[in-house]
Amino acid sequence: MTISDPVADMLTRIRNATRNRAKSVVCLNNKVCRGVAEVLKTEGYINGYEVVEDKKQGTIHIDLKYGPRGEVLIHELKRMSKPGCRVYKSMDKIPAPMQGLGISIVSTSHGVLSDRACRKEGVGGELLCVVS
């Protein structure tokens, strides 16, 4: 089965896993999905991830993180840029969800970065998703 939008598939798998209180989730491996997983790890939304190679594309095993009483840390994952309608933002127009408590994930020429890292480095790019 071919997937036309692997990032949306990854976000949907994470969203469904957090609703079911799963400990981990398996996603398809590609460069952008690894970048999104790295941003989620550095921002503290997941415990970590591991890339597992196989004879095909490989998979990413993501270890989900919950609060001390089991509360969900990822309340909303919203895909912004889609294959049919790409959304590009300059550095000063990248949204800061929940007045800076959430993050925006942006694909830039410097790699996949959070909105804070984009402002720090002074780059803009394709707005992939918003996490709050």
N, C-alpha and C. Protein backbone atom coordinates (compact mmCIF):
# COMPACT_ATOMS: atom_id res chain seq x y z
N MET A 1 0.84 -1.18 0.00
CA MET A 1 0.00 0.00 0.00
C MET A 1 0.89 1.24 0.00
N THR A 2 0.65 2.13 -0.90
CA THR A 2 1.41 3.36 -0.96
C THR A 2 0.73 4.44 -0.14
N ILE A 3 1.57 5.22 0.51
CA ILE A 3 1.08 6.33 1.32
C ILE A 3 1.51 7.61 0.62
N SER A 4 0.54 8.47 0.30
CA SER A 4 0.86 9.69 -0.43
C SER A 4 1.42 10.78 0.48
N ASP A 5 1.13 10.71 1.77
CA ASP A 5 1.61 11.72 2.71
C ASP A 5 2.12 11.03 3.98
N PRO A 6 3.40 10.66 4.02
CA PRO A 6 3.93 9.93 5.18
C PRO A 6 3.95 10.74 6.47
N VAL A 7 4.07 12.06 6.38
CA VAL A 7 4.07 12.89 7.59
C VAL A 7 2.68 12.88 8.23
N ALA A 8 1.64 13.02 7.42
CA ALA A 8 0.27 12.97 7.94
C ALA A 8 -0.02 11.59 8.53
N ASP A 9 0.50 10.54 7.91
CA ASP A 9 0.33 9.19 8.44
C ASP A 9 1.01 9.07 9.80
N MET A 10 2.21 9.62 9.93
CA MET A 10 2.94 9.58 11.21
C MET A 10 2.18 10.32 12.30
N LEU A 11 1.69 11.52 11.98
CA LEU A 11 0.96 12.32 12.95
C LEU A 11 -0.33 11.62 13.38
N THR A 12 -1.01 10.98 12.45
CA THR A 12 -2.24 10.26 12.77
C THR A 12 -1.96 9.07 13.67
N ARG A 13 -0.87 8.37 13.41
CA ARG A 13 -0.50 7.23 14.26
C ARG A 13 -0.17 7.69 15.68
N ILE A 14 0.56 8.80 15.81
CA ILE A 14 0.88 9.33 17.14
C ILE A 14 -0.39 9.80 17.84
N ARG A 15 -1.26 10.49 17.12
CA ARG A 15 -2.52 10.98 17.68
C ARG A 15 -3.38 9.82 18.20
N ASN A 16 -3.50 8.76 17.39
CA ASN A 16 -4.31 7.61 17.79
C ASN A 16 -3.68 6.87 18.97
N ALA A 17 -2.36 6.77 18.98
CA ALA A 17 -1.67 6.06 20.06
C ALA A 17 -1.81 6.81 21.39
N THR A 18 -1.74 8.13 21.36
CA THR A 18 -1.90 8.88 22.61
C THR A 18 -3.33 8.81 23.13
N ARG A 19 -4.29 8.75 22.24
CA ARG A 19 -5.69 8.60 22.67
C ARG A 19 -5.92 7.24 23.33
N ASN A 20 -5.19 6.22 22.86
CA ASN A 20 -5.33 4.87 23.41
C ASN A 20 -4.36 4.61 24.55
N ARG A 21 -3.59 5.63 24.93
CA ARG A 21 -2.59 5.52 26.01
C ARG A 21 -1.55 4.43 25.74
N ALA A 22 -1.16 4.30 24.48
CA ALA A 22 -0.14 3.32 24.11
C ALA A 22 1.24 3.79 24.57
N LYS A 23 2.13 2.85 24.81
CA LYS A 23 3.49 3.20 25.25
C LYS A 23 4.38 3.59 24.08
N SER A 24 4.13 2.99 22.92
CA SER A 24 4.96 3.30 21.76
C SER A 24 4.12 3.18 20.49
N VAL A 25 4.70 3.67 19.40
CA VAL A 25 4.03 3.62 18.11
C VAL A 25 5.10 3.40 17.04
N VAL A 26 4.72 2.73 15.96
CA VAL A 26 5.64 2.44 14.86
C VAL A 26 5.20 3.23 13.63
N CYS A 27 6.15 3.97 13.03
CA CYS A 27 5.87 4.78 11.84
C CYS A 27 6.86 4.41 10.74
N LEU A 28 6.54 4.81 9.52
CA LEU A 28 7.46 4.58 8.41
C LEU A 28 8.65 5.51 8.51
N ASN A 29 9.78 5.05 8.02
CA ASN A 29 11.03 5.79 8.11
C ASN A 29 11.27 6.60 6.84
N ASN A 30 11.47 7.90 7.00
CA ASN A 30 12.01 8.75 5.96
C ASN A 30 12.65 9.95 6.64
N LYS A 31 13.30 10.77 5.87
CA LYS A 31 14.09 11.87 6.44
C LYS A 31 13.23 12.89 7.18
N VAL A 32 12.10 13.25 6.63
CA VAL A 32 11.24 14.26 7.26
C VAL A 32 10.62 13.70 8.54
N CYS A 33 10.18 12.45 8.52
CA CYS A 33 9.59 11.85 9.72
C CYS A 33 10.63 11.72 10.83
N ARG A 34 11.87 11.40 10.48
CA ARG A 34 12.95 11.38 11.49
C ARG A 34 13.17 12.77 12.06
N GLY A 35 13.08 13.79 11.22
CA GLY A 35 13.23 15.16 11.69
C GLY A 35 12.11 15.58 12.62
N VAL A 36 10.87 15.20 12.29
CA VAL A 36 9.74 15.50 13.16
C VAL A 36 9.90 14.79 14.50
N ALA A 37 10.33 13.53 14.47
CA ALA A 37 10.55 12.78 15.72
C ALA A 37 11.65 13.43 16.55
N GLU A 38 12.70 13.91 15.91
CA GLU A 38 13.79 14.58 16.63
C GLU A 38 13.32 15.86 17.30
N VAL A 39 12.49 16.65 16.60
CA VAL A 39 11.96 17.88 17.18
C VAL A 39 11.05 17.55 18.36
N LEU A 40 10.20 16.54 18.22
CA LEU A 40 9.32 16.15 19.33
C LEU A 40 10.13 15.68 20.53
N LYS A 41 11.26 15.03 20.28
CA LYS A 41 12.12 14.57 21.38
C LYS A 41 12.81 15.75 22.06
N THR A 42 13.38 16.67 21.29
CA THR A 42 14.10 17.80 21.89
C THR A 42 13.15 18.74 22.63
N GLU A 43 11.90 18.84 22.18
CA GLU A 43 10.93 19.71 22.84
C GLU A 43 10.24 19.03 24.01
N GLY A 44 10.48 17.72 24.23
CA GLY A 44 9.96 17.03 25.40
C GLY A 44 8.60 16.40 25.24
N TYR A 45 8.12 16.22 24.03
CA TYR A 45 6.81 15.61 23.82
C TYR A 45 6.86 14.09 23.76
N ILE A 46 8.04 13.52 23.44
CA ILE A 46 8.21 12.07 23.44
C ILE A 46 9.49 11.74 24.21
N ASN A 47 9.59 10.49 24.69
CA ASN A 47 10.79 10.07 25.41
C ASN A 47 11.96 9.84 24.47
N GLY A 48 11.69 9.30 23.31
CA GLY A 48 12.75 9.04 22.35
C GLY A 48 12.22 8.26 21.17
N TYR A 49 13.12 7.97 20.25
CA TYR A 49 12.74 7.19 19.08
C TYR A 49 13.93 6.37 18.64
N GLU A 50 13.66 5.31 17.89
CA GLU A 50 14.70 4.43 17.39
C GLU A 50 14.38 4.08 15.95
N VAL A 51 15.37 4.19 15.09
CA VAL A 51 15.19 3.83 13.69
C VAL A 51 15.60 2.37 13.53
N VAL A 52 14.68 1.55 13.03
CA VAL A 52 14.93 0.13 12.83
C VAL A 52 14.98 -0.13 11.33
N GLU A 53 16.13 -0.57 10.87
CA GLU A 53 16.30 -0.84 9.43
C GLU A 53 15.80 -2.25 9.10
N ASP A 54 15.21 -2.39 7.93
CA ASP A 54 14.87 -3.70 7.40
C ASP A 54 15.26 -3.70 5.93
N LYS A 55 14.85 -4.69 5.18
CA LYS A 55 15.25 -4.77 3.78
C LYS A 55 14.55 -3.73 2.91
N LYS A 56 13.52 -3.11 3.44
CA LYS A 56 12.78 -2.10 2.67
C LYS A 56 13.14 -0.71 3.18
N GLN A 57 12.16 0.05 3.56
CA GLN A 57 12.32 1.43 3.96
C GLN A 57 12.76 1.58 5.41
N GLY A 58 12.35 0.67 6.26
CA GLY A 58 12.65 0.77 7.68
C GLY A 58 11.48 1.39 8.43
N THR A 59 11.57 1.37 9.76
CA THR A 59 10.53 1.94 10.60
C THR A 59 11.15 2.78 11.71
N ILE A 60 10.32 3.63 12.28
CA ILE A 60 10.72 4.45 13.43
C ILE A 60 9.83 4.01 14.59
N HIS A 61 10.45 3.57 15.68
CA HIS A 61 9.73 3.20 16.89
C HIS A 61 9.79 4.39 17.84
N ILE A 62 8.64 5.00 18.11
CA ILE A 62 8.56 6.19 18.94
C ILE A 62 8.03 5.81 20.31
N ASP A 63 8.79 6.18 21.36
CA ASP A 63 8.40 5.93 22.75
C ASP A 63 7.64 7.16 23.25
N LEU A 64 6.34 7.03 23.46
CA LEU A 64 5.50 8.16 23.85
C LEU A 64 5.70 8.53 25.31
N LYS A 65 5.42 9.79 25.61
CA LYS A 65 5.63 10.31 26.96
C LYS A 65 4.31 10.83 27.52
N TYR A 66 4.08 10.57 28.79
CA TYR A 66 2.89 11.04 29.48
C TYR A 66 3.31 11.77 30.75
N GLY A 67 2.40 12.51 31.35
CA GLY A 67 2.68 13.25 32.58
C GLY A 67 2.83 12.33 33.77
N PRO A 68 3.14 12.89 34.94
CA PRO A 68 3.36 12.06 36.13
C PRO A 68 2.11 11.30 36.58
N ARG A 69 0.93 11.82 36.29
CA ARG A 69 -0.32 11.13 36.65
C ARG A 69 -0.96 10.48 35.44
N GLY A 70 -0.21 10.31 34.36
CA GLY A 70 -0.72 9.66 33.17
C GLY A 70 -1.43 10.58 32.20
N GLU A 71 -1.34 11.91 32.41
CA GLU A 71 -2.02 12.83 31.50
C GLU A 71 -1.27 12.94 30.17
N VAL A 72 -2.02 13.19 29.14
CA VAL A 72 -1.49 13.27 27.78
C VAL A 72 -0.75 14.60 27.61
N LEU A 73 0.46 14.55 27.03
CA LEU A 73 1.22 15.77 26.77
C LEU A 73 0.88 16.37 25.40
N ILE A 74 0.53 15.51 24.46
CA ILE A 74 0.18 15.98 23.12
C ILE A 74 -1.34 16.02 23.02
N HIS A 75 -1.91 17.22 23.12
CA HIS A 75 -3.36 17.36 23.05
C HIS A 75 -3.86 17.45 21.62
N GLU A 76 -3.08 18.11 20.77
CA GLU A 76 -3.51 18.30 19.39
C GLU A 76 -2.29 18.25 18.47
N LEU A 77 -2.40 17.47 17.42
CA LEU A 77 -1.41 17.42 16.33
C LEU A 77 -2.16 17.79 15.06
N LYS A 78 -1.84 18.92 14.48
CA LYS A 78 -2.58 19.38 13.31
C LYS A 78 -1.62 19.55 12.14
N ARG A 79 -1.91 18.87 11.04
CA ARG A 79 -1.12 18.97 9.82
C ARG A 79 -1.49 20.26 9.12
N MET A 80 -0.50 21.10 8.83
CA MET A 80 -0.78 22.39 8.20
C MET A 80 -0.54 22.34 6.69
N SER A 81 0.65 21.94 6.28
CA SER A 81 0.99 21.88 4.87
C SER A 81 0.65 20.49 4.34
N LYS A 82 -0.10 20.45 3.28
CA LYS A 82 -0.54 19.18 2.70
C LYS A 82 0.02 19.05 1.28
N PRO A 83 0.04 17.85 0.71
CA PRO A 83 0.57 17.70 -0.65
C PRO A 83 -0.15 18.56 -1.68
N GLY A 84 -1.43 18.80 -1.50
CA GLY A 84 -2.18 19.61 -2.45
C GLY A 84 -2.11 21.10 -2.20
N CYS A 85 -1.70 21.48 -1.00
CA CYS A 85 -1.67 22.90 -0.64
C CYS A 85 -0.52 23.13 0.35
N ARG A 86 0.63 23.45 -0.17
CA ARG A 86 1.81 23.70 0.68
C ARG A 86 1.67 25.06 1.36
N VAL A 87 2.14 25.13 2.62
CA VAL A 87 2.08 26.37 3.39
C VAL A 87 3.50 26.75 3.77
N TYR A 88 3.96 27.91 3.28
CA TYR A 88 5.30 28.40 3.58
C TYR A 88 5.18 29.66 4.43
N LYS A 89 6.03 29.77 5.43
CA LYS A 89 6.00 30.93 6.32
C LYS A 89 7.42 31.47 6.48
N SER A 90 7.52 32.79 6.54
CA SER A 90 8.81 33.40 6.86
C SER A 90 9.02 33.32 8.38
N MET A 91 10.21 33.67 8.81
CA MET A 91 10.58 33.51 10.21
C MET A 91 9.62 34.25 11.16
N ASP A 92 9.24 35.46 10.81
CA ASP A 92 8.40 36.25 11.70
C ASP A 92 6.91 35.91 11.60
N LYS A 93 6.52 35.08 10.63
CA LYS A 93 5.11 34.71 10.48
C LYS A 93 4.81 33.29 10.97
N ILE A 94 5.81 32.58 11.50
CA ILE A 94 5.59 31.22 12.00
C ILE A 94 4.76 31.32 13.28
N PRO A 95 3.62 30.60 13.35
CA PRO A 95 2.77 30.72 14.54
C PRO A 95 3.39 30.10 15.78
N ALA A 96 3.08 30.70 16.93
CA ALA A 96 3.47 30.16 18.24
C ALA A 96 2.18 29.70 18.92
N PRO A 97 1.82 28.43 18.82
CA PRO A 97 0.54 27.96 19.36
C PRO A 97 0.47 28.10 20.88
N MET A 98 -0.70 28.38 21.37
CA MET A 98 -0.98 28.52 22.80
C MET A 98 -0.03 29.53 23.46
N GLN A 99 0.20 30.64 22.80
CA GLN A 99 1.07 31.72 23.28
C GLN A 99 2.47 31.20 23.65
N GLY A 100 2.99 30.27 22.87
CA GLY A 100 4.33 29.76 23.08
C GLY A 100 4.41 28.48 23.88
N LEU A 101 3.29 27.95 24.38
CA LEU A 101 3.33 26.69 25.11
C LEU A 101 3.37 25.49 24.17
N GLY A 102 2.88 25.63 22.95
CA GLY A 102 2.97 24.59 21.95
C GLY A 102 4.10 24.91 20.99
N ILE A 103 4.28 24.06 19.98
CA ILE A 103 5.33 24.30 18.99
C ILE A 103 4.77 24.13 17.59
N SER A 104 5.44 24.80 16.66
CA SER A 104 5.21 24.58 15.23
C SER A 104 6.45 23.88 14.69
N ILE A 105 6.25 22.90 13.85
CA ILE A 105 7.37 22.17 13.25
C ILE A 105 7.49 22.61 11.80
N VAL A 106 8.70 23.07 11.43
CA VAL A 106 8.94 23.67 10.12
C VAL A 106 10.08 22.94 9.42
N SER A 107 9.88 22.65 8.14
CA SER A 107 10.94 22.08 7.31
C SER A 107 11.70 23.24 6.65
N THR A 108 12.97 23.40 6.99
CA THR A 108 13.76 24.52 6.49
C THR A 108 14.95 24.02 5.70
N SER A 109 15.75 24.94 5.20
CA SER A 109 16.98 24.56 4.51
C SER A 109 18.03 24.07 5.51
N HIS A 110 17.80 24.30 6.80
CA HIS A 110 18.70 23.84 7.86
C HIS A 110 18.21 22.53 8.47
N GLY A 111 17.18 21.93 7.90
CA GLY A 111 16.60 20.70 8.42
C GLY A 111 15.23 20.98 9.02
N VAL A 112 14.67 19.99 9.68
CA VAL A 112 13.37 20.14 10.33
C VAL A 112 13.61 20.75 11.71
N LEU A 113 12.97 21.91 11.98
CA LEU A 113 13.20 22.66 13.21
C LEU A 113 11.89 23.05 13.85
N SER A 114 11.94 23.37 15.15
CA SER A 114 10.78 23.93 15.84
C SER A 114 10.72 25.42 15.55
N ASP A 115 9.60 26.04 15.93
CA ASP A 115 9.45 27.48 15.67
C ASP A 115 10.48 28.29 16.46
N ARG A 116 10.82 27.85 17.66
CA ARG A 116 11.83 28.56 18.46
C ARG A 116 13.19 28.51 17.79
N ALA A 117 13.55 27.34 17.28
CA ALA A 117 14.85 27.19 16.60
C ALA A 117 14.88 27.99 15.31
N CYS A 118 13.74 28.10 14.62
CA CYS A 118 13.67 28.90 13.39
C CYS A 118 13.91 30.37 13.69
N ARG A 119 13.30 30.87 14.75
CA ARG A 119 13.51 32.27 15.12
C ARG A 119 14.95 32.51 15.56
N LYS A 120 15.54 31.55 16.23
CA LYS A 120 16.92 31.67 16.70
C LYS A 120 17.89 31.70 15.52
N GLU A 121 17.66 30.83 14.53
CA GLU A 121 18.54 30.76 13.37
C GLU A 121 18.16 31.75 12.27
N GLY A 122 16.97 32.33 12.35
CA GLY A 122 16.55 33.32 11.38
C GLY A 122 16.15 32.74 10.03
N VAL A 123 15.49 31.57 10.05
CA VAL A 123 15.05 30.93 8.81
C VAL A 123 13.56 30.64 8.85
N GLY A 124 12.96 30.56 7.71
CA GLY A 124 11.58 30.15 7.55
C GLY A 124 11.51 28.92 6.67
N GLY A 125 10.32 28.47 6.35
CA GLY A 125 10.21 27.30 5.49
C GLY A 125 8.79 26.80 5.43
N GLU A 126 8.65 25.50 5.13
CA GLU A 126 7.34 24.87 5.00
C GLU A 126 6.82 24.49 6.38
N LEU A 127 5.67 25.00 6.74
CA LEU A 127 5.05 24.72 8.04
C LEU A 127 4.41 23.32 7.97
N LEU A 128 5.05 22.35 8.61
CA LEU A 128 4.56 20.97 8.54
C LEU A 128 3.37 20.74 9.44
N CYS A 129 3.51 21.05 10.75
CA CYS A 129 2.42 20.78 11.68
C CYS A 129 2.54 21.67 12.90
N VAL A 130 1.46 21.66 13.68
CA VAL A 130 1.40 22.41 14.94
C VAL A 130 1.08 21.42 16.04
N VAL A 131 1.85 21.46 17.13
CA VAL A 131 1.66 20.57 18.27
C VAL A 131 1.28 21.42 19.47
N SER A 132 0.19 21.06 20.12
CA SER A 132 -0.21 21.79 21.33
C SER A 132 -0.77 20.83 22.35
